[in-house]
Every structure is written in C-alpha cells, then in structure tokens.
C-alpha atoms as a PDB file:
ATOM      1  CA  MET A   1       0.000   0.000   0.000  1.00  0.00           C
ATOM      2  CA  ASP A   2       1.070   3.600  -0.617  1.00  0.00           C
ATOM      3  CA  VAL A   3       1.748   4.814   2.922  1.00  0.00           C
ATOM      4  CA  SER A   4       1.913   8.482   1.910  1.00  0.00           C
ATOM      5  CA  GLU A   5      -1.510   8.212   0.307  1.00  0.00           C
ATOM      6  CA  GLU A   6      -2.877   6.467   3.397  1.00  0.00           C
ATOM      7  CA  ILE A   7      -1.569   9.312   5.587  1.00  0.00           C
ATOM      8  CA  ARG A   8      -3.080  11.929   3.271  1.00  0.00           C
ATOM      9  CA  ARG A   9      -6.488  10.301   3.213  1.00  0.00           C
ATOM     10  CA  PHE A  10      -6.528   9.608   6.937  1.00  0.00           C
ATOM     11  CA  LEU A  11      -5.646  13.179   7.952  1.00  0.00           C
ATOM     12  CA  THR A  12      -8.046  14.634   5.393  1.00  0.00           C
ATOM     13  CA  SER A  13     -10.898  12.427   6.588  1.00  0.00           C
ATOM     14  CA  ARG A  14     -10.271  13.280  10.259  1.00  0.00           C
ATOM     15  CA  ARG A  15     -10.086  17.017   9.485  1.00  0.00           C
ATOM     16  CA  ALA A  16     -13.335  16.890   7.519  1.00  0.00           C
ATOM     17  CA  ARG A  17     -15.386  15.490  10.380  1.00  0.00           C
ATOM     18  CA  ILE A  18     -14.640  18.237  12.938  1.00  0.00           C
ATOM     19  CA  THR A  19     -16.557  21.499  12.851  1.00  0.00           C
ATOM     20  CA  PRO A  20     -15.009  24.764  14.079  1.00  0.00           C
ATOM     21  CA  GLU A  21     -17.518  24.766  16.922  1.00  0.00           C
ATOM     22  CA  GLN A  22     -16.365  21.308  18.036  1.00  0.00           C
ATOM     23  CA  ALA A  23     -12.769  22.540  17.949  1.00  0.00           C
ATOM     24  CA  GLY A  24     -13.638  25.636  20.001  1.00  0.00           C
ATOM     25  CA  LEU A  25     -12.942  28.064  17.143  1.00  0.00           C
ATOM     26  CA  ARG A  26     -14.896  31.207  16.345  1.00  0.00           C
ATOM     27  CA  THR A  27     -16.293  31.584  12.841  1.00  0.00           C
ATOM     28  CA  TYR A  28     -17.219  34.769  11.051  1.00  0.00           C
ATOM     29  CA  GLY A  29     -19.944  35.399   8.515  1.00  0.00           C
ATOM     30  CA  SER A  30     -23.135  33.493   7.815  1.00  0.00           C
ATOM     31  CA  GLY A  31     -22.234  31.911   4.476  1.00  0.00           C
ATOM     32  CA  ALA A  32     -21.507  28.240   3.972  1.00  0.00           C
ATOM     33  CA  ARG A  33     -17.895  27.188   4.289  1.00  0.00           C
ATOM     34  CA  ARG A  34     -16.270  25.881   1.121  1.00  0.00           C
ATOM     35  CA  VAL A  35     -14.736  22.849   2.834  1.00  0.00           C
ATOM     36  CA  PRO A  36     -16.324  20.400   5.292  1.00  0.00           C
ATOM     37  CA  GLY A  37     -14.875  20.456   8.751  1.00  0.00           C
ATOM     38  CA  LEU A  38     -11.718  22.370   9.585  1.00  0.00           C
ATOM     39  CA  ARG A  39      -9.471  24.209   7.166  1.00  0.00           C
ATOM     40  CA  ARG A  40      -5.794  23.309   7.013  1.00  0.00           C
ATOM     41  CA  GLU A  41      -4.781  26.579   8.611  1.00  0.00           C
ATOM     42  CA  GLU A  42      -7.155  25.899  11.502  1.00  0.00           C
ATOM     43  CA  VAL A  43      -5.639  22.491  12.158  1.00  0.00           C
ATOM     44  CA  ALA A  44      -2.158  23.992  11.942  1.00  0.00           C
ATOM     45  CA  SER A  45      -3.093  26.648  14.470  1.00  0.00           C
ATOM     46  CA  LEU A  46      -4.600  24.117  16.869  1.00  0.00           C
ATOM     47  CA  ALA A  47      -1.517  21.883  16.573  1.00  0.00           C
ATOM     48  CA  GLY A  48       0.946  24.751  16.948  1.00  0.00           C
ATOM     49  CA  VAL A  49       2.697  24.248  13.605  1.00  0.00           C
ATOM     50  CA  SER A  50       2.947  26.355  10.477  1.00  0.00           C
ATOM     51  CA  ILE A  51       0.425  26.010   7.682  1.00  0.00           C
ATOM     52  CA  ALA A  52       3.209  24.971   5.313  1.00  0.00           C
ATOM     53  CA  TYR A  53       4.361  22.219   7.660  1.00  0.00           C
ATOM     54  CA  TYR A  54       0.869  20.850   8.245  1.00  0.00           C
ATOM     55  CA  THR A  55       0.206  20.916   4.491  1.00  0.00           C
ATOM     56  CA  LYS A  56       3.372  18.872   3.969  1.00  0.00           C
ATOM     57  CA  LEU A  57       2.195  16.330   6.540  1.00  0.00           C
ATOM     58  CA  GLU A  58      -1.281  16.090   5.043  1.00  0.00           C
ATOM     59  CA  ARG A  59       0.292  15.382   1.662  1.00  0.00           C
ATOM     60  CA  GLY A  60       1.836  12.295   3.223  1.00  0.00           C
ATOM     61  CA  ASP A  61       5.354  13.613   3.784  1.00  0.00           C
ATOM     62  CA  THR A  62       6.051  12.754   7.430  1.00  0.00           C
ATOM     63  CA  ALA A  63       9.844  12.553   7.099  1.00  0.00           C
ATOM     64  CA  GLY A  64      11.403  13.705  10.347  1.00  0.00           C
ATOM     65  CA  VAL A  65       8.108  14.351  12.112  1.00  0.00           C
ATOM     66  CA  SER A  66       8.489  14.128  15.889  1.00  0.00           C
ATOM     67  CA  ASP A  67       6.254  12.313  18.344  1.00  0.00           C
ATOM     68  CA  THR A  68       5.505  15.708  19.897  1.00  0.00           C
ATOM     69  CA  VAL A  69       4.046  16.990  16.634  1.00  0.00           C
ATOM     70  CA  LEU A  70       2.068  13.776  16.138  1.00  0.00           C
ATOM     71  CA  GLU A  71       0.633  14.133  19.635  1.00  0.00           C
ATOM     72  CA  ALA A  72      -0.315  17.741  18.871  1.00  0.00           C
ATOM     73  CA  LEU A  73      -2.038  16.633  15.664  1.00  0.00           C
ATOM     74  CA  ALA A  74      -3.903  13.915  17.528  1.00  0.00           C
ATOM     75  CA  ARG A  75      -5.218  16.503  19.983  1.00  0.00           C
ATOM     76  CA  ALA A  76      -6.099  19.016  17.264  1.00  0.00           C
ATOM     77  CA  LEU A  77      -8.005  16.396  15.275  1.00  0.00           C
ATOM     78  CA  GLN A  78      -9.585  14.952  18.448  1.00  0.00           C
ATOM     79  CA  LEU A  79      -8.386  11.445  17.662  1.00  0.00           C
ATOM     80  CA  ASP A  80      -9.409   8.656  19.992  1.00  0.00           C
ATOM     81  CA  GLU A  81      -6.842   6.092  21.150  1.00  0.00           C
ATOM     82  CA  PRO A  82      -7.194   3.682  18.159  1.00  0.00           C
ATOM     83  CA  GLU A  83      -6.941   6.605  15.730  1.00  0.00           C
ATOM     84  CA  ARG A  84      -3.935   8.042  17.554  1.00  0.00           C
ATOM     85  CA  ALA A  85      -2.188   4.654  17.424  1.00  0.00           C
ATOM     86  CA  HIS A  86      -3.004   4.409  13.712  1.00  0.00           C
ATOM     87  CA  LEU A  87      -1.457   7.825  13.023  1.00  0.00           C
ATOM     88  CA  PHE A  88       1.745   6.793  14.802  1.00  0.00           C
ATOM     89  CA  ASP A  89       1.783   3.459  12.940  1.00  0.00           C
ATOM     90  CA  LEU A  90       1.468   5.225   9.590  1.00  0.00           C
ATOM     91  CA  ALA A  91       4.236   7.673  10.484  1.00  0.00           C
ATOM     92  CA  ARG A  92       6.545   4.801  11.470  1.00  0.00           C
ATOM     93  CA  ALA A  93       5.701   2.899   8.299  1.00  0.00           C
ATOM     94  CA  ALA A  94       6.637   5.944   6.202  1.00  0.00           C
ATOM     95  CA  ARG A  95      10.176   6.066   7.586  1.00  0.00           C
ATOM     96  CA  PRO A  96      13.099   4.872   5.444  1.00  0.00           C
ATOM     97  CA  ALA A  97      13.286   1.210   4.466  1.00  0.00           C
ATOM     98  CA  SER A  98      16.297   0.804   6.750  1.00  0.00           C
ATOM     99  CA  GLN A  99      13.835   0.603   9.642  1.00  0.00           C
ATOM    100  CA  PRO A 100      13.176  -2.970  10.847  1.00  0.00           C
ATOM    101  CA  ARG A 101      10.296  -4.551   8.933  1.00  0.00           C
ATOM    102  CA  ARG A 102       7.471  -6.333  10.663  1.00  0.00           C
ATOM    103  CA  ARG A 103       7.301 -10.063  10.433  1.00  0.00           C
ATOM    104  CA  ARG A 104       4.887 -11.506   7.929  1.00  0.00           C
ATOM    105  CA  ALA A 105       1.487 -12.203   9.447  1.00  0.00           C
ATOM    106  CA  SER A 106       1.265 -15.699  10.902  1.00  0.00           C
ATOM    107  CA  ARG A 107      -0.346 -18.383   8.781  1.00  0.00           C
ATOM    108  CA  GLN A 108      -0.633 -21.076  11.437  1.00  0.00           C
ATOM    109  CA  ILE A 109      -0.764 -21.509  15.192  1.00  0.00           C
ATOM    110  CA  ARG A 110       1.490 -23.524  17.462  1.00  0.00           C
ATOM    111  CA  PRO A 111       0.231 -26.896  18.752  1.00  0.00           C
ATOM    112  CA  GLY A 112       0.144 -25.503  22.283  1.00  0.00           C
ATOM    113  CA  VAL A 113      -2.238 -22.751  21.182  1.00  0.00           C
ATOM    114  CA  GLN A 114      -4.576 -25.309  19.616  1.00  0.00           C
ATOM    115  CA  ARG A 115      -4.503 -27.365  22.833  1.00  0.00           C
ATOM    116  CA  LEU A 116      -5.433 -24.195  24.733  1.00  0.00           C
ATOM    117  CA  LEU A 117      -8.369 -23.610  22.383  1.00  0.00           C
ATOM    118  CA  ASP A 118      -9.530 -27.196  22.819  1.00  0.00           C
ATOM    119  CA  ALA A 119      -9.384 -26.823  26.607  1.00  0.00           C
ATOM    120  CA  ILE A 120     -11.693 -23.771  26.597  1.00  0.00           C
ATOM    121  CA  SER A 121     -15.347 -24.681  27.178  1.00  0.00           C
ATOM    122  CA  ALA A 122     -16.632 -21.530  25.433  1.00  0.00           C
ATOM    123  CA  PRO A 123     -16.532 -20.880  21.660  1.00  0.00           C
ATOM    124  CA  ALA A 124     -12.995 -19.679  20.930  1.00  0.00           C
ATOM    125  CA  MET A 125     -10.859 -18.847  17.894  1.00  0.00           C
ATOM    126  CA  VAL A 126      -7.455 -17.385  17.055  1.00  0.00           C
ATOM    127  CA  ARG A 127      -6.909 -14.988  14.173  1.00  0.00           C
ATOM    128  CA  ASN A 128      -4.200 -12.736  12.782  1.00  0.00           C
ATOM    129  CA  GLY A 129      -4.483  -9.031  11.936  1.00  0.00           C
ATOM    130  CA  ARG A 130      -5.615  -9.877   8.423  1.00  0.00           C
ATOM    131  CA  MET A 131      -8.654 -11.608   9.985  1.00  0.00           C
ATOM    132  CA  ASP A 132      -7.568 -15.084   8.896  1.00  0.00           C
ATOM    133  CA  ILE A 133      -8.983 -17.633  11.344  1.00  0.00           C
ATOM    134  CA  LEU A 134      -6.009 -19.878  12.069  1.00  0.00           C
ATOM    135  CA  GLY A 135      -7.525 -22.076  14.763  1.00  0.00           C
ATOM    136  CA  ALA A 136     -10.747 -22.748  16.643  1.00  0.00           C
ATOM    137  CA  ASN A 137     -12.228 -25.226  19.080  1.00  0.00           C
ATOM    138  CA  GLU A 138     -15.247 -27.354  18.189  1.00  0.00           C
ATOM    139  CA  LEU A 139     -17.737 -24.935  19.708  1.00  0.00           C
ATOM    140  CA  GLY A 140     -16.129 -22.021  17.861  1.00  0.00           C
ATOM    141  CA  ARG A 141     -16.451 -23.906  14.598  1.00  0.00           C
ATOM    142  CA  ALA A 142     -20.058 -24.710  15.435  1.00  0.00           C
ATOM    143  CA  LEU A 143     -20.864 -21.062  16.178  1.00  0.00           C
ATOM    144  CA  TYR A 144     -19.355 -19.997  12.849  1.00  0.00           C
ATOM    145  CA  SER A 145     -20.278 -23.180  10.984  1.00  0.00           C
ATOM    146  CA  GLU A 146     -21.400 -21.261   7.897  1.00  0.00           C
ATOM    147  CA  MET A 147     -18.078 -19.416   7.726  1.00  0.00           C
ATOM    148  CA  PHE A 148     -16.079 -22.620   8.123  1.00  0.00           C
ATOM    149  CA  ALA A 149     -18.160 -24.211   5.356  1.00  0.00           C
ATOM    150  CA  SER A 150     -16.170 -22.126   2.878  1.00  0.00           C
ATOM    151  CA  PRO A 151     -13.586 -24.200   0.962  1.00  0.00           C
ATOM    152  CA  ASP A 152     -11.052 -21.354   1.160  1.00  0.00           C
ATOM    153  CA  ARG A 153      -8.217 -21.756   3.649  1.00  0.00           C
ATOM    154  CA  PRO A 154      -7.425 -20.047   5.824  1.00  0.00           C
ATOM    155  CA  VAL A 155     -10.986 -18.987   6.556  1.00  0.00           C
ATOM    156  CA  ASN A 156     -11.181 -15.184   6.598  1.00  0.00           C
ATOM    157  CA  SER A 157     -13.935 -13.443   8.544  1.00  0.00           C
ATOM    158  CA  ALA A 158     -13.766 -10.208   6.508  1.00  0.00           C
ATOM    159  CA  ARG A 159     -14.156 -12.138   3.262  1.00  0.00           C
ATOM    160  CA  PHE A 160     -17.100 -14.032   4.751  1.00  0.00           C
ATOM    161  CA  THR A 161     -18.728 -10.828   6.004  1.00  0.00           C
ATOM    162  CA  PHE A 162     -18.653  -9.044   2.653  1.00  0.00           C
ATOM    163  CA  LEU A 163     -18.725 -11.781   0.030  1.00  0.00           C
ATOM    164  CA  ASP A 164     -20.852 -14.572   1.503  1.00  0.00           C
ATOM    165  CA  PRO A 165     -24.621 -13.898   1.478  1.00  0.00           C
ATOM    166  CA  ARG A 166     -25.035 -16.110   4.569  1.00  0.00           C
ATOM    167  CA  ALA A 167     -23.267 -13.455   6.651  1.00  0.00           C
ATOM    168  CA  THR A 168     -26.285 -11.129   6.620  1.00  0.00           C
ATOM    169  CA  SER A 169     -28.362 -13.929   8.150  1.00  0.00           C
ATOM    170  CA  LEU A 170     -25.777 -14.982  10.742  1.00  0.00           C
ATOM    171  CA  PHE A 171     -24.931 -11.471  11.963  1.00  0.00           C
ATOM    172  CA  VAL A 172     -28.053  -9.732  13.283  1.00  0.00           C
ATOM    173  CA  ASP A 173     -26.140  -6.425  13.332  1.00  0.00           C
ATOM    174  CA  TRP A 174     -24.468  -6.926   9.953  1.00  0.00           C
ATOM    175  CA  ASP A 175     -23.681  -3.230   9.450  1.00  0.00           C
ATOM    176  CA  HIS A 176     -21.834  -3.114  12.752  1.00  0.00           C
ATOM    177  CA  ALA A 177     -19.940  -6.313  11.926  1.00  0.00           C
ATOM    178  CA  ALA A 178     -18.988  -4.857   8.546  1.00  0.00           C
ATOM    179  CA  ASP A 179     -17.790  -1.593  10.123  1.00  0.00           C
ATOM    180  CA  ASP A 180     -15.686  -3.533  12.635  1.00  0.00           C
ATOM    181  CA  SER A 181     -14.096  -5.678   9.932  1.00  0.00           C
ATOM    182  CA  VAL A 182     -12.987  -2.686   7.875  1.00  0.00           C
ATOM    183  CA  ALA A 183     -11.737  -0.832  10.949  1.00  0.00           C
ATOM    184  CA  VAL A 184      -9.615  -3.853  11.941  1.00  0.00           C
ATOM    185  CA  LEU A 185      -8.145  -4.156   8.434  1.00  0.00           C
ATOM    186  CA  HIS A 186      -7.367  -0.415   8.312  1.00  0.00           C
ATOM    187  CA  ALA A 187      -5.546  -0.634  11.628  1.00  0.00           C
ATOM    188  CA  GLU A 188      -3.546  -3.625  10.381  1.00  0.00           C
ATOM    189  CA  ALA A 189      -2.696  -1.759   7.175  1.00  0.00           C
ATOM    190  CA  GLY A 190      -1.213   1.015   9.297  1.00  0.00           C
ATOM    191  CA  ARG A 191       0.890  -1.443  11.286  1.00  0.00           C
ATOM    192  CA  ASN A 192       1.975  -3.524   8.316  1.00  0.00           C
ATOM    193  CA  PRO A 193       1.386  -1.674   5.023  1.00  0.00           C
ATOM    194  CA  ARG A 194       3.845  -3.859   3.118  1.00  0.00           C
ATOM    195  CA  ASP A 195       1.917  -7.072   3.759  1.00  0.00           C
ATOM    196  CA  ARG A 196       1.220  -8.273   0.232  1.00  0.00           C
ATOM    197  CA  ASP A 197      -1.473 -10.715   1.364  1.00  0.00           C
ATOM    198  CA  LEU A 198      -3.293  -7.894   3.136  1.00  0.00           C
ATOM    199  CA  SER A 199      -3.098  -5.702   0.042  1.00  0.00           C
ATOM    200  CA  ASP A 200      -4.454  -8.557  -2.068  1.00  0.00           C
ATOM    201  CA  LEU A 201      -7.341  -9.078   0.363  1.00  0.00           C
ATOM    202  CA  VAL A 202      -8.239  -5.371   0.375  1.00  0.00           C
ATOM    203  CA  GLY A 203      -8.064  -5.355  -3.426  1.00  0.00           C
ATOM    204  CA  GLU A 204     -10.305  -8.413  -3.668  1.00  0.00           C
ATOM    205  CA  LEU A 205     -12.918  -6.982  -1.313  1.00  0.00           C
ATOM    206  CA  SER A 206     -12.793  -3.543  -2.951  1.00  0.00           C
ATOM    207  CA  THR A 207     -13.353  -5.078  -6.365  1.00  0.00           C
ATOM    208  CA  GLN A 208     -16.223  -7.338  -5.348  1.00  0.00           C
ATOM    209  CA  SER A 209     -18.084  -5.366  -2.673  1.00  0.00           C
ATOM    210  CA  GLU A 210     -19.413  -1.831  -2.895  1.00  0.00           C
ATOM    211  CA  GLU A 211     -20.230  -2.033   0.825  1.00  0.00           C
ATOM    212  CA  PHE A 212     -16.545  -2.636   1.535  1.00  0.00           C
ATOM    213  CA  ARG A 213     -15.369   0.130  -0.831  1.00  0.00           C
ATOM    214  CA  THR A 214     -17.649   2.671   0.842  1.00  0.00           C
ATOM    215  CA  ARG A 215     -16.437   1.771   4.308  1.00  0.00           C
ATOM    216  CA  TRP A 216     -12.765   1.592   3.320  1.00  0.00           C
ATOM    217  CA  ALA A 217     -12.960   5.164   1.997  1.00  0.00           C
ATOM    218  CA  ARG A 218     -13.982   6.417   5.451  1.00  0.00           C
ATOM    219  CA  HIS A 219     -10.600   5.459   6.962  1.00  0.00           C
ATOM    220  CA  ASP A 220     -12.166   4.573  10.301  1.00  0.00           C
ATOM    221  CA  VAL A 221     -10.122   2.552  12.785  1.00  0.00           C
ATOM    222  CA  ARG A 222     -11.102   1.177  16.171  1.00  0.00           C
ATOM    223  CA  TYR A 223     -10.132  -1.439  18.706  1.00  0.00           C
ATOM    224  CA  HIS A 224     -12.072  -4.677  18.600  1.00  0.00           C
ATOM    225  CA  ASP A 225     -11.257  -6.076  22.036  1.00  0.00           C
ATOM    226  CA  THR A 226     -14.579  -6.571  23.817  1.00  0.00           C
ATOM    227  CA  GLY A 227     -18.255  -6.174  23.097  1.00  0.00           C
ATOM    228  CA  THR A 228     -21.480  -7.977  22.287  1.00  0.00           C
ATOM    229  CA  LYS A 229     -22.394  -9.855  19.127  1.00  0.00           C
ATOM    230  CA  ARG A 230     -25.867 -10.987  18.154  1.00  0.00           C
ATOM    231  CA  PHE A 231     -26.222 -14.065  15.957  1.00  0.00           C
ATOM    232  CA  HIS A 232     -29.075 -15.903  14.329  1.00  0.00           C
ATOM    233  CA  HIS A 233     -27.669 -19.406  14.216  1.00  0.00           C
ATOM    234  CA  ALA A 234     -29.169 -21.833  11.721  1.00  0.00           C
ATOM    235  CA  VAL A 235     -29.426 -24.601  14.333  1.00  0.00           C
ATOM    236  CA  VAL A 236     -30.106 -22.963  17.723  1.00  0.00           C
ATOM    237  CA  GLY A 237     -31.606 -19.624  16.705  1.00  0.00           C
ATOM    238  CA  PRO A 238     -30.888 -16.254  18.398  1.00  0.00           C
ATOM    239  CA  LEU A 239     -27.714 -15.807  20.432  1.00  0.00           C
ATOM    240  CA  GLU A 240     -26.425 -12.725  22.203  1.00  0.00           C
ATOM    241  CA  LEU A 241     -22.828 -13.313  23.283  1.00  0.00           C
ATOM    242  CA  THR A 242     -20.139 -11.219  24.914  1.00  0.00           C
ATOM    243  CA  PHE A 243     -16.683 -11.529  23.397  1.00  0.00           C
ATOM    244  CA  GLU A 244     -13.282 -10.887  24.925  1.00  0.00           C
ATOM    245  CA  VAL A 245     -10.056 -10.574  22.929  1.00  0.00           C
ATOM    246  CA  MET A 246      -6.584 -11.433  24.227  1.00  0.00           C
ATOM    247  CA  THR A 247      -3.246 -10.971  22.495  1.00  0.00           C
ATOM    248  CA  LEU A 248      -0.976 -14.009  22.606  1.00  0.00           C
ATOM    249  CA  VAL A 249       2.229 -12.719  24.188  1.00  0.00           C
ATOM    250  CA  ALA A 250       4.452 -15.247  22.400  1.00  0.00           C
ATOM    251  CA  ASP A 251       2.707 -14.506  19.082  1.00  0.00           C
ATOM    252  CA  PRO A 252       1.877 -10.774  19.290  1.00  0.00           C
ATOM    253  CA  ASP A 253       0.303 -10.676  15.831  1.00  0.00           C
ATOM    254  CA  LEU A 254      -2.323 -13.215  16.937  1.00  0.00           C
ATOM    255  CA  THR A 255      -5.417 -12.655  19.066  1.00  0.00           C
ATOM    256  CA  LEU A 256      -7.671 -15.141  20.827  1.00  0.00           C
ATOM    257  CA  PHE A 257     -11.441 -14.541  20.825  1.00  0.00           C
ATOM    258  CA  ALA A 258     -13.743 -16.220  23.343  1.00  0.00           C
ATOM    259  CA  PHE A 259     -17.539 -15.898  23.574  1.00  0.00           C
ATOM    260  CA  THR A 260     -19.749 -16.256  26.645  1.00  0.00           C
ATOM    261  CA  ALA A 261     -23.445 -15.875  27.397  1.00  0.00           C
ATOM    262  CA  GLU A 262     -25.056 -14.242  30.420  1.00  0.00           C
ATOM    263  CA  VAL A 263     -25.773 -16.800  33.130  1.00  0.00           C
ATOM    264  CA  GLY A 264     -29.401 -17.904  33.154  1.00  0.00           C
ATOM    265  CA  SER A 265     -30.214 -16.258  29.821  1.00  0.00           C
ATOM    266  CA  LYS A 266     -31.886 -17.773  26.787  1.00  0.00           C
ATOM    267  CA  SER A 267     -28.563 -17.299  24.998  1.00  0.00           C
ATOM    268  CA  GLU A 268     -26.876 -19.539  27.584  1.00  0.00           C
ATOM    269  CA  GLU A 269     -29.544 -22.191  26.927  1.00  0.00           C
ATOM    270  CA  ALA A 270     -28.969 -21.865  23.189  1.00  0.00           C
ATOM    271  CA  LEU A 271     -25.202 -22.040  23.619  1.00  0.00           C
ATOM    272  CA  ASN A 272     -25.553 -25.213  25.722  1.00  0.00           C
ATOM    273  CA  LEU A 273     -27.791 -26.632  23.004  1.00  0.00           C
ATOM    274  CA  LEU A 274     -25.135 -25.779  20.436  1.00  0.00           C
ATOM    275  CA  GLY A 275     -22.581 -27.656  22.541  1.00  0.00           C
ATOM    276  CA  SER A 276     -24.856 -30.713  22.697  1.00  0.00           C
ATOM    277  CA  TRP A 277     -25.406 -30.553  18.935  1.00  0.00           C
ATOM    278  CA  THR A 278     -21.657 -30.349  18.375  1.00  0.00           C
ATOM    279  CA  ALA A 279     -21.014 -33.317  20.677  1.00  0.00           C
ATOM    280  CA  THR A 280     -23.692 -35.335  18.859  1.00  0.00           C
ATOM    281  CA  LEU A 281     -22.029 -34.626  15.526  1.00  0.00           C
ATOM    282  CA  GLY A 282     -18.675 -35.752  16.929  1.00  0.00           C
ATOM    283  CA  GLU A 283     -20.147 -39.012  18.222  1.00  0.00           C
ATOM    284  CA  SER A 284     -21.825 -39.603  14.868  1.00  0.00           C
ATOM    285  CA  VAL A 285     -18.549 -39.170  13.001  1.00  0.00           C
ATOM    286  CA  SER A 286     -16.758 -41.535  15.414  1.00  0.00           C
ATOM    287  CA  SER A 287     -19.434 -44.259  15.175  1.00  0.00           C
ATOM    288  CA  ASP A 288     -19.476 -44.070  11.375  1.00  0.00           C
ATOM    289  CA  ALA A 289     -15.701 -44.278  11.048  1.00  0.00           C
ATOM    290  CA  PRO A 290     -15.440 -48.133  10.791  1.00  0.00           C
ATOM    291  CA  ASN A 291     -18.058 -48.161   8.048  1.00  0.00           C
ATOM    292  CA  ARG A 292     -16.000 -45.809   5.947  1.00  0.00           C
ATOM    293  CA  ARG A 293     -12.912 -48.015   5.893  1.00  0.00           C
END
C-alpha cells in the first residue's frame, strides 16, 4: 500500500469530520464554508505548527516528524486512542526502508495454542491481523459453521462478512460487523502496510463489494477487544454473546477470541444446546468411522 496516500487520506478524513464549533474556534460570517470540517490553517493553528508544515504532513510527507508533533495533531483532530495509534503506525511505516520490517502475518498456530483452544469450554478462535482464522475449538467452529463451510483456507472473517450472502443472516447487526471488519483491516494496514497478502485481500474486497469500498474510503479505525455480538444461528436460533479478545504474548500478531453468554439467559440455553449438537455430531462421526474403511 502507498503509505503516503494512506496518511493523506486519513488526515483529510479526520479534518473533515470536525466542525469549528467542536474545535472551540470562532467563525465569522453566515455563508456556507467551502470545505467540510476544519481548514488546514485551523488544524495547523490548533496543533501549533505552520500552515506549510501541516500541508506537507497532510500530503503524506512525514519525514522527520516528531512524536511531539504527532501528539499535537492527535489533539487538534480529536483522535481517539485507536486513531492516535493508527497515526503513529502510519508515520513509522513511512520512515526509510532501513527501519526494521514487521514479520509476515502468521499463517498457522502452534500446537500448544490449539490445545489451549480445545481446553476452553466456550466458543474460541485465534486470528491474525488480516482476519484469517487460524484455529478454533469445536464450539467455535459450530458457532461460525457457515463461515467454516467455505472451501477457502485459511478462513477469513472479513471475506465471509462481505462476500458470503449467509453473513447477513448470521450477523443480526451486519452493518456493525462490517464496520468492525474494515476498521480492523485499516488498523492492520497502518501497522503492516507492506503485507502483500493484506493488500491482495483489500483489493479483492474492494473489487467485489461496494459495501466494503464505501467503508474503506472512510478510513475509520477502532479497537475490537470486547463487546457484544448478536447471531441468528441456523441450528439454535438467536444468540447474544459477549466476546473478549486477548493478544498471545508469544505470538503478538495473533489474538484469541472467546464468547460467553449471560448466566441464566436464553442465549446460555442456546449455547448449551449448540454444545450438545456439536457433541452429537462428533459421536456420529466416530461411530461411522469403521463403516467408511
């Protein structure tokens, strides 16, 4: 990906969303402003830099920019923590190629990680920043059975969300799931813009999904570390589950997702039913094994 272009579009999009009133600036006259949001000179003033210097930064030229200036920009543009981290990631990525390059995103998990997944009684999965699902336990596969039905490997949740029509049935809040997927991919692009597989995935989704293209153009980023997801599962019906995300310390580019239901809720009953269904399938496969030899 063109890091300079990513910086330009990100700063432009953040500037466009803030009104002078939100920034605490006085405006004069009653006519409509020619640009949405703040003008470049207003951002420069708020950040304490010259107009020429801010213009250079917004054009994607961050050579030599200090952390102090980046912090000032983050305050001026009212960036939240994920957006601030993304700005710093982009600035680091734009530095000379002599800087250490990130490792290529993992394509598989260690056996110990799979044993950990299998030991978890809740639905659980591990994915990389590109949203490839690299491992799951049986209940995780059952929860996302329609996604794992895809012949593509590794399974990719962003590809499923935007290109598989079953996603709109599985995810009750599909728009929110779609927004989250794009925000995660944008954040990963900032951390690792030279990941060819990530670029190929973004290109594939941009070509085949207008919904993805529209969201990608917004340049939104956010953390996806806890929250609630609502499903309509083909076997057990409605599910409302809380998810928690944990980074694997030994594999920092991988995250583990685990889902739980509120105790005593209908979702807990449905999740227990899903576990029973999964166990029944496993027993069926085991009992049929001799007949297949």
